[in-house]
Amino acid sequence: MKLRITPLNFATTFFLVVAVYIWINGAAIAGRPLENWSGTIGWIFLLFAAVVFFMDLMFRNFFAELKKLWIIESCVIALIAVIFFLVK
């Protein structure tokens, strides 16, 4: 099996690191700790990581070339970021 690094691999790693960080240090919004919600927020980030990992597997099956895969996955990440900032 050939190892292919893609943008969604980085996103999955980011979500896993954030989930572990929240479980270890707890979550805080605007300097106020959220003791009761740290576990829930950690699980949400783990769910995000699982969804992004599944999307990466789907894109790998649809696009065989690494260059096309990078372009499509980068566009998906940019689209999600734009939607996030528009909703925010």
N, C-alpha and C. Protein backbone atom coordinates (compact mmCIF):
# COMPACT_ATOMS: atom_id res chain seq x y z
N MET A 1 0.84 -1.18 0.00
CA MET A 1 0.00 0.00 0.00
C MET A 1 0.89 1.24 0.00
N LYS A 2 0.59 2.14 -0.89
CA LYS A 2 1.38 3.36 -1.03
C LYS A 2 0.85 4.43 -0.09
N LEU A 3 1.73 5.04 0.67
CA LEU A 3 1.36 6.10 1.60
C LEU A 3 1.21 7.40 0.82
N ARG A 4 0.01 7.99 0.91
CA ARG A 4 -0.24 9.26 0.24
C ARG A 4 -0.72 10.26 1.28
N ILE A 5 -0.01 11.36 1.39
CA ILE A 5 -0.37 12.40 2.34
C ILE A 5 -1.24 13.41 1.60
N THR A 6 -2.38 13.74 2.22
CA THR A 6 -3.35 14.64 1.61
C THR A 6 -3.76 15.72 2.62
N PRO A 7 -4.43 16.77 2.15
CA PRO A 7 -4.86 17.83 3.08
C PRO A 7 -5.83 17.33 4.15
N LEU A 8 -6.69 16.38 3.81
CA LEU A 8 -7.63 15.88 4.80
C LEU A 8 -6.92 15.04 5.87
N ASN A 9 -5.74 14.49 5.54
CA ASN A 9 -4.94 13.82 6.58
C ASN A 9 -4.52 14.83 7.64
N PHE A 10 -4.12 16.02 7.18
CA PHE A 10 -3.72 17.06 8.13
C PHE A 10 -4.92 17.51 8.97
N ALA A 11 -6.09 17.61 8.34
CA ALA A 11 -7.29 18.01 9.08
C ALA A 11 -7.66 16.95 10.12
N THR A 12 -7.58 15.68 9.76
CA THR A 12 -7.86 14.61 10.72
C THR A 12 -6.90 14.67 11.89
N THR A 13 -5.64 14.86 11.61
CA THR A 13 -4.63 14.96 12.67
C THR A 13 -4.91 16.16 13.56
N PHE A 14 -5.29 17.28 12.97
CA PHE A 14 -5.61 18.47 13.75
C PHE A 14 -6.77 18.20 14.70
N PHE A 15 -7.85 17.58 14.21
CA PHE A 15 -9.00 17.29 15.06
C PHE A 15 -8.65 16.31 16.18
N LEU A 16 -7.81 15.32 15.90
CA LEU A 16 -7.40 14.39 16.94
C LEU A 16 -6.56 15.08 18.01
N VAL A 17 -5.65 15.94 17.58
CA VAL A 17 -4.80 16.67 18.53
C VAL A 17 -5.66 17.60 19.40
N VAL A 18 -6.62 18.28 18.80
CA VAL A 18 -7.50 19.17 19.57
C VAL A 18 -8.33 18.38 20.56
N ALA A 19 -8.84 17.21 20.16
CA ALA A 19 -9.64 16.38 21.07
C ALA A 19 -8.81 15.93 22.26
N VAL A 20 -7.59 15.48 22.02
CA VAL A 20 -6.73 15.04 23.12
C VAL A 20 -6.35 16.22 24.00
N TYR A 21 -6.07 17.36 23.41
CA TYR A 21 -5.73 18.56 24.19
C TYR A 21 -6.88 18.97 25.10
N ILE A 22 -8.10 18.92 24.57
CA ILE A 22 -9.26 19.29 25.37
C ILE A 22 -9.48 18.30 26.51
N TRP A 23 -9.26 17.01 26.24
CA TRP A 23 -9.43 16.03 27.32
C TRP A 23 -8.38 16.20 28.41
N ILE A 24 -7.17 16.58 28.03
CA ILE A 24 -6.10 16.73 29.02
C ILE A 24 -6.23 18.05 29.77
N ASN A 25 -6.39 19.16 29.06
CA ASN A 25 -6.39 20.48 29.68
C ASN A 25 -7.77 21.07 29.92
N GLY A 26 -8.80 20.51 29.33
CA GLY A 26 -10.14 21.05 29.49
C GLY A 26 -10.41 22.14 28.47
N ALA A 27 -11.68 22.45 28.32
CA ALA A 27 -12.09 23.47 27.36
C ALA A 27 -12.38 24.77 28.10
N ALA A 28 -12.07 25.89 27.44
CA ALA A 28 -12.37 27.20 28.01
C ALA A 28 -12.75 28.14 26.88
N ILE A 29 -13.80 28.90 27.10
CA ILE A 29 -14.24 29.89 26.12
C ILE A 29 -14.17 31.25 26.80
N ALA A 30 -13.44 32.16 26.21
CA ALA A 30 -13.26 33.52 26.73
C ALA A 30 -12.72 33.50 28.15
N GLY A 31 -11.80 32.58 28.42
CA GLY A 31 -11.14 32.53 29.72
C GLY A 31 -11.95 31.86 30.81
N ARG A 32 -13.17 31.45 30.50
CA ARG A 32 -14.03 30.79 31.48
C ARG A 32 -13.99 29.28 31.25
N PRO A 33 -13.54 28.49 32.20
CA PRO A 33 -13.45 27.05 31.98
C PRO A 33 -14.83 26.40 31.89
N LEU A 34 -14.90 25.38 31.07
CA LEU A 34 -16.14 24.61 30.90
C LEU A 34 -15.91 23.19 31.40
N GLU A 35 -15.90 23.00 32.72
CA GLU A 35 -15.58 21.70 33.29
C GLU A 35 -16.57 20.63 32.85
N ASN A 36 -17.84 20.96 32.80
CA ASN A 36 -18.86 19.97 32.49
C ASN A 36 -18.93 19.61 31.01
N TRP A 37 -18.41 20.46 30.16
CA TRP A 37 -18.53 20.25 28.72
C TRP A 37 -17.25 19.76 28.05
N SER A 38 -16.16 19.62 28.77
CA SER A 38 -14.89 19.24 28.15
C SER A 38 -14.96 17.87 27.48
N GLY A 39 -15.57 16.92 28.14
CA GLY A 39 -15.68 15.58 27.55
C GLY A 39 -16.55 15.59 26.30
N THR A 40 -17.65 16.32 26.35
CA THR A 40 -18.54 16.41 25.20
C THR A 40 -17.85 17.07 24.01
N ILE A 41 -17.14 18.15 24.27
CA ILE A 41 -16.43 18.84 23.19
C ILE A 41 -15.33 17.95 22.61
N GLY A 42 -14.66 17.20 23.46
CA GLY A 42 -13.65 16.24 22.99
C GLY A 42 -14.26 15.19 22.07
N TRP A 43 -15.42 14.65 22.46
CA TRP A 43 -16.10 13.66 21.62
C TRP A 43 -16.55 14.27 20.30
N ILE A 44 -16.96 15.52 20.31
CA ILE A 44 -17.38 16.19 19.06
C ILE A 44 -16.19 16.29 18.11
N PHE A 45 -15.02 16.65 18.63
CA PHE A 45 -13.84 16.73 17.77
C PHE A 45 -13.42 15.35 17.27
N LEU A 46 -13.62 14.31 18.07
CA LEU A 46 -13.35 12.95 17.59
C LEU A 46 -14.32 12.58 16.47
N LEU A 47 -15.57 12.99 16.59
CA LEU A 47 -16.54 12.75 15.52
C LEU A 47 -16.13 13.49 14.25
N PHE A 48 -15.69 14.75 14.39
CA PHE A 48 -15.19 15.49 13.23
C PHE A 48 -14.03 14.74 12.56
N ALA A 49 -13.11 14.23 13.37
CA ALA A 49 -11.96 13.49 12.82
C ALA A 49 -12.43 12.26 12.06
N ALA A 50 -13.42 11.53 12.59
CA ALA A 50 -13.92 10.33 11.92
C ALA A 50 -14.59 10.69 10.59
N VAL A 51 -15.37 11.76 10.57
CA VAL A 51 -16.04 12.18 9.34
C VAL A 51 -15.02 12.61 8.28
N VAL A 52 -14.03 13.36 8.70
CA VAL A 52 -13.00 13.82 7.75
C VAL A 52 -12.19 12.63 7.23
N PHE A 53 -11.90 11.67 8.10
CA PHE A 53 -11.18 10.46 7.67
C PHE A 53 -11.99 9.69 6.64
N PHE A 54 -13.29 9.56 6.87
CA PHE A 54 -14.17 8.87 5.93
C PHE A 54 -14.23 9.62 4.59
N MET A 55 -14.30 10.96 4.64
CA MET A 55 -14.28 11.75 3.41
C MET A 55 -12.98 11.54 2.64
N ASP A 56 -11.88 11.46 3.37
CA ASP A 56 -10.58 11.24 2.72
C ASP A 56 -10.57 9.90 2.01
N LEU A 57 -11.10 8.87 2.64
CA LEU A 57 -11.16 7.56 1.99
C LEU A 57 -12.03 7.58 0.74
N MET A 58 -13.14 8.29 0.80
CA MET A 58 -14.02 8.39 -0.37
C MET A 58 -13.31 9.11 -1.52
N PHE A 59 -12.67 10.23 -1.20
CA PHE A 59 -11.97 10.97 -2.25
C PHE A 59 -10.83 10.16 -2.84
N ARG A 60 -10.14 9.37 -2.03
CA ARG A 60 -9.05 8.53 -2.55
C ARG A 60 -9.58 7.50 -3.55
N ASN A 61 -10.79 7.00 -3.32
CA ASN A 61 -11.36 6.03 -4.25
C ASN A 61 -11.81 6.68 -5.55
N PHE A 62 -12.26 7.93 -5.49
CA PHE A 62 -12.75 8.61 -6.69
C PHE A 62 -11.64 9.20 -7.54
N PHE A 63 -10.57 9.68 -6.92
CA PHE A 63 -9.50 10.36 -7.64
C PHE A 63 -8.19 9.61 -7.44
N ALA A 64 -7.71 9.00 -8.49
CA ALA A 64 -6.50 8.18 -8.39
C ALA A 64 -5.22 9.02 -8.39
N GLU A 65 -5.22 10.12 -9.15
CA GLU A 65 -4.02 10.95 -9.23
C GLU A 65 -3.88 11.81 -7.97
N LEU A 66 -2.67 11.88 -7.48
CA LEU A 66 -2.41 12.63 -6.25
C LEU A 66 -2.62 14.13 -6.45
N LYS A 67 -2.27 14.65 -7.62
CA LYS A 67 -2.43 16.08 -7.88
C LYS A 67 -3.90 16.48 -7.86
N LYS A 68 -4.76 15.70 -8.53
CA LYS A 68 -6.19 15.98 -8.51
C LYS A 68 -6.77 15.84 -7.11
N LEU A 69 -6.29 14.85 -6.38
CA LEU A 69 -6.75 14.62 -5.01
C LEU A 69 -6.44 15.83 -4.13
N TRP A 70 -5.23 16.36 -4.25
CA TRP A 70 -4.85 17.55 -3.48
C TRP A 70 -5.72 18.75 -3.84
N ILE A 71 -5.99 18.94 -5.13
CA ILE A 71 -6.81 20.08 -5.56
C ILE A 71 -8.23 19.95 -5.02
N ILE A 72 -8.83 18.79 -5.18
CA ILE A 72 -10.21 18.58 -4.73
C ILE A 72 -10.31 18.73 -3.22
N GLU A 73 -9.42 18.11 -2.48
CA GLU A 73 -9.48 18.18 -1.02
C GLU A 73 -9.19 19.59 -0.51
N SER A 74 -8.30 20.31 -1.16
CA SER A 74 -8.04 21.69 -0.77
C SER A 74 -9.27 22.56 -1.04
N CYS A 75 -9.95 22.31 -2.15
CA CYS A 75 -11.17 23.06 -2.44
C CYS A 75 -12.27 22.74 -1.43
N VAL A 76 -12.37 21.51 -1.01
CA VAL A 76 -13.37 21.13 0.00
C VAL A 76 -13.08 21.84 1.32
N ILE A 77 -11.82 21.86 1.72
CA ILE A 77 -11.45 22.54 2.97
C ILE A 77 -11.74 24.04 2.86
N ALA A 78 -11.41 24.64 1.72
CA ALA A 78 -11.69 26.07 1.54
C ALA A 78 -13.20 26.34 1.55
N LEU A 79 -13.98 25.49 0.93
CA LEU A 79 -15.44 25.65 0.92
C LEU A 79 -16.01 25.55 2.33
N ILE A 80 -15.55 24.59 3.10
CA ILE A 80 -16.02 24.43 4.47
C ILE A 80 -15.64 25.65 5.31
N ALA A 81 -14.44 26.17 5.11
CA ALA A 81 -14.01 27.36 5.86
C ALA A 81 -14.86 28.57 5.49
N VAL A 82 -15.17 28.75 4.21
CA VAL A 82 -16.01 29.87 3.78
C VAL A 82 -17.41 29.75 4.38
N ILE A 83 -17.98 28.55 4.33
CA ILE A 83 -19.31 28.34 4.93
C ILE A 83 -19.27 28.61 6.42
N PHE A 84 -18.22 28.17 7.10
CA PHE A 84 -18.09 28.40 8.54
C PHE A 84 -18.06 29.88 8.85
N PHE A 85 -17.27 30.65 8.10
CA PHE A 85 -17.17 32.08 8.38
C PHE A 85 -18.44 32.84 7.98
N LEU A 86 -19.16 32.36 6.96
CA LEU A 86 -20.43 32.99 6.60
C LEU A 86 -21.49 32.74 7.67
N VAL A 87 -21.52 31.55 8.22
CA VAL A 87 -22.49 31.23 9.26
C VAL A 87 -22.16 31.94 10.55
N LYS A 88 -20.88 32.07 10.83
CA LYS A 88 -20.44 32.72 12.08
C LYS A 88 -20.80 34.17 12.03
